[in-house]
């Protein structure tokens, strides 16, 4: 097993420079958390998982949406950008059958990292998992920017370039507990 890689990075807090030690996904969170042209990306780091949110720059519409998460794999020193609950009808460019991903996140990943898209299916109950390496993604990328709608710059990759597999989702077992209330007299 390979040793985990720690990175030293600088942060300025109240005019003072501090040096922090963390996983590479913490540096990625620091680099993407900023105000862009018309929108804001926020990243929350919890150990080796970075959760990424998008917020509209419109003063009257401050809606926040979940973009995905970046998971740092300690054993292989790779980061995996995971998009859960991916809806193909919303994130697919139908003219050339390609998936759209946030370029601001992709541009911060390394060539050895991966992108994984998880699309739920209803019948049968499961999910399609699409995986591609960042190096292959960069070879087949096309850019589109839906600036009039206020969305981020997106990179589109043809669906054929992804490795696809289907996984069955097991139903969670719900446990029922019987609660008893005993009264005590003092």
Protein backbone atom coordinates (compact mmCIF):
# COMPACT_ATOMS: atom_id res chain seq x y z
CA UNK A 1 0.00 0.00 0.00
CA UNK A 2 1.24 3.44 -0.93
CA UNK A 3 1.75 6.12 1.73
CA UNK A 4 -0.87 8.90 1.63
CA UNK A 5 0.32 12.18 0.16
CA UNK A 6 0.00 15.28 2.32
CA UNK A 7 0.30 18.75 0.86
CA UNK A 8 1.30 21.97 2.60
CA UNK A 9 -0.75 24.95 1.44
CA UNK A 10 -1.01 28.57 2.55
CA UNK A 11 -4.11 30.38 3.72
CA UNK A 12 -4.45 34.02 4.67
CA UNK A 13 -6.75 34.65 7.62
CA UNK A 14 -7.17 38.21 8.92
CA UNK A 15 -4.02 39.32 7.12
CA UNK A 16 -1.84 36.58 8.62
CA UNK A 17 -0.31 33.74 6.62
CA UNK A 18 -0.88 30.22 7.94
CA UNK A 19 0.47 26.95 6.55
CA UNK A 20 -1.86 23.95 6.66
CA UNK A 21 -1.19 20.30 5.94
CA UNK A 22 -3.89 18.24 4.24
CA UNK A 23 -4.90 15.89 1.48
CA UNK A 24 -4.85 17.12 -2.16
CA UNK A 25 -8.64 17.53 -2.11
CA UNK A 26 -8.25 20.30 0.51
CA UNK A 27 -6.06 22.24 -1.91
CA UNK A 28 -8.62 21.66 -4.67
CA UNK A 29 -11.34 23.07 -2.37
CA UNK A 30 -9.27 26.16 -1.70
CA UNK A 31 -8.67 26.74 -5.42
CA UNK A 32 -12.29 26.42 -6.58
CA UNK A 33 -14.03 28.23 -3.68
CA UNK A 34 -14.45 31.68 -5.14
CA UNK A 35 -16.74 34.02 -7.01
CA UNK A 36 -16.77 33.49 -10.76
CA UNK A 37 -18.52 35.46 -13.48
CA UNK A 38 -22.12 35.39 -12.24
CA UNK A 39 -21.95 32.48 -9.79
CA UNK A 40 -20.15 31.22 -6.70
CA UNK A 41 -18.62 27.81 -6.03
CA UNK A 42 -18.37 26.66 -2.43
CA UNK A 43 -16.46 23.65 -1.17
CA UNK A 44 -16.64 21.96 2.22
CA UNK A 45 -13.80 19.66 3.24
CA UNK A 46 -14.33 16.76 5.63
CA UNK A 47 -11.12 14.71 5.87
CA UNK A 48 -10.67 13.12 2.41
CA UNK A 49 -14.08 14.16 0.98
CA UNK A 50 -14.80 17.59 -0.53
CA UNK A 51 -18.43 18.49 -1.19
CA UNK A 52 -19.00 21.13 -3.88
CA UNK A 53 -21.97 23.51 -4.13
CA UNK A 54 -22.98 26.07 -6.77
CA UNK A 55 -24.76 29.31 -5.86
CA UNK A 56 -26.33 31.78 -8.25
CA UNK A 57 -24.80 35.24 -8.35
CA UNK A 58 -28.24 36.78 -8.92
CA UNK A 59 -29.10 39.01 -5.97
CA UNK A 60 -32.78 37.98 -5.98
CA UNK A 61 -32.22 34.26 -6.60
CA UNK A 62 -29.65 32.82 -4.18
CA UNK A 63 -30.48 29.18 -4.86
CA UNK A 64 -27.82 26.63 -3.95
CA UNK A 65 -27.40 23.31 -5.76
CA UNK A 66 -25.21 20.31 -5.09
CA UNK A 67 -22.58 19.86 -7.82
CA UNK A 68 -20.86 16.71 -6.57
CA UNK A 69 -18.03 15.62 -4.36
CA UNK A 70 -14.35 14.87 -4.75
CA UNK A 71 -13.11 11.83 -2.85
CA UNK A 72 -9.39 11.37 -2.27
CA UNK A 73 -8.42 7.66 -2.44
CA UNK A 74 -5.53 7.16 -0.02
CA UNK A 75 -4.42 3.80 -1.40
CA UNK A 76 -3.91 4.93 -5.01
CA UNK A 77 -3.26 8.70 -4.51
CA UNK A 78 -6.09 9.61 -6.90
CA UNK A 79 -9.06 11.91 -6.60
CA UNK A 80 -12.46 10.84 -7.90
CA UNK A 81 -15.00 13.51 -8.85
CA UNK A 82 -18.37 11.85 -8.15
CA UNK A 83 -21.75 13.13 -9.35
CA UNK A 84 -24.67 11.42 -7.57
CA UNK A 85 -28.26 11.51 -8.73
CA UNK A 86 -27.22 12.53 -12.23
CA UNK A 87 -30.24 13.10 -14.47
CA UNK A 88 -29.38 12.55 -18.11
CA UNK A 89 -32.30 14.67 -19.33
CA UNK A 90 -30.83 17.70 -17.51
CA UNK A 91 -27.07 17.18 -17.94
CA UNK A 92 -26.92 15.62 -21.39
CA UNK A 93 -26.43 17.60 -24.59
CA UNK A 94 -28.77 15.66 -26.87
CA UNK A 95 -27.37 16.88 -30.21
CA UNK A 96 -24.11 14.99 -29.77
CA UNK A 97 -25.11 12.65 -26.90
CA UNK A 98 -22.57 14.00 -24.40
CA UNK A 99 -22.52 14.62 -20.65
CA UNK A 100 -21.91 18.08 -19.18
CA UNK A 101 -19.56 18.59 -16.22
CA UNK A 102 -18.40 21.69 -14.34
CA UNK A 103 -15.15 22.87 -15.94
CA UNK A 104 -14.02 24.76 -12.82
CA UNK A 105 -13.80 21.45 -10.92
CA UNK A 106 -12.38 19.39 -13.82
CA UNK A 107 -9.61 21.93 -14.46
CA UNK A 108 -8.30 21.46 -10.89
CA UNK A 109 -8.03 17.66 -11.15
CA UNK A 110 -4.82 15.89 -12.11
CA UNK A 111 -4.43 13.71 -15.23
CA UNK A 112 -4.39 10.49 -13.17
CA UNK A 113 -7.70 11.31 -11.42
CA UNK A 114 -11.15 10.02 -12.40
CA UNK A 115 -14.67 11.29 -12.98
CA UNK A 116 -17.59 9.06 -11.99
CA UNK A 117 -21.23 9.76 -12.83
CA UNK A 118 -23.97 7.81 -11.05
CA UNK A 119 -27.35 7.87 -12.80
CA UNK A 120 -30.24 6.18 -10.96
CA UNK A 121 -32.52 3.84 -12.90
CA UNK A 122 -36.06 2.98 -11.85
CA UNK A 123 -36.75 -0.34 -13.54
CA UNK A 124 -34.90 -2.40 -12.58
CA UNK A 125 -33.86 -0.63 -9.37
CA UNK A 126 -30.20 0.25 -9.70
CA UNK A 127 -27.84 2.81 -11.16
CA UNK A 128 -25.70 3.29 -14.24
CA UNK A 129 -22.13 4.19 -13.36
CA UNK A 130 -20.07 6.02 -15.99
CA UNK A 131 -16.30 6.33 -15.37
CA UNK A 132 -13.59 8.16 -17.29
CA UNK A 133 -10.03 9.24 -16.51
CA UNK A 134 -9.32 12.97 -16.55
CA UNK A 135 -6.57 12.50 -19.17
CA UNK A 136 -9.05 10.83 -21.55
CA UNK A 137 -11.70 13.44 -20.72
CA UNK A 138 -9.30 16.24 -21.69
CA UNK A 139 -8.66 14.58 -25.07
CA UNK A 140 -12.38 14.47 -26.00
CA UNK A 141 -13.66 17.68 -24.37
CA UNK A 142 -15.92 20.31 -25.93
CA UNK A 143 -16.89 23.55 -24.20
CA UNK A 144 -20.30 25.15 -23.90
CA UNK A 145 -21.16 28.12 -21.72
CA UNK A 146 -24.80 28.82 -20.91
CA UNK A 147 -24.08 32.33 -19.69
CA UNK A 148 -27.57 33.67 -20.44
CA UNK A 149 -29.02 31.20 -17.90
CA UNK A 150 -26.30 32.12 -15.38
CA UNK A 151 -24.69 28.67 -15.27
CA UNK A 152 -21.01 27.79 -15.07
CA UNK A 153 -18.73 26.95 -17.98
CA UNK A 154 -19.24 23.30 -18.79
CA UNK A 155 -17.14 20.71 -20.53
CA UNK A 156 -19.01 18.09 -22.57
CA UNK A 157 -17.70 14.59 -23.22
CA UNK A 158 -19.39 12.05 -25.53
CA UNK A 159 -21.18 9.24 -23.72
CA UNK A 160 -19.27 6.62 -25.75
CA UNK A 161 -15.96 7.64 -24.12
CA UNK A 162 -17.15 6.62 -20.64
CA UNK A 163 -16.81 3.10 -19.30
CA UNK A 164 -20.34 2.07 -18.32
CA UNK A 165 -21.58 -0.48 -15.80
CA UNK A 166 -24.89 -1.15 -14.09
CA UNK A 167 -25.12 -1.84 -10.35
CA UNK A 168 -28.14 -3.17 -8.52
CA UNK A 169 -29.15 -1.12 -5.49
CA UNK A 170 -30.21 -3.17 -2.54
CA UNK A 171 -33.21 -2.04 -0.58
CA UNK A 172 -32.31 -0.79 2.87
CA UNK A 173 -33.76 -2.72 5.73
CA UNK A 174 -35.75 -0.49 8.05
CA UNK A 175 -35.58 -1.53 11.63
CA UNK A 176 -38.57 -0.98 13.84
CA UNK A 177 -37.98 -0.36 17.49
CA UNK A 178 -40.58 -0.60 20.19
CA UNK A 179 -40.24 2.25 22.58
CA UNK A 180 -41.65 1.88 26.05
CA UNK A 181 -42.22 4.77 28.34
CA UNK A 182 -41.98 4.11 32.03
CA UNK A 183 -42.93 6.74 34.51
CA UNK A 184 -41.00 7.04 37.70
CA UNK A 185 -42.21 8.66 40.86
CA UNK A 186 -39.85 10.69 42.92
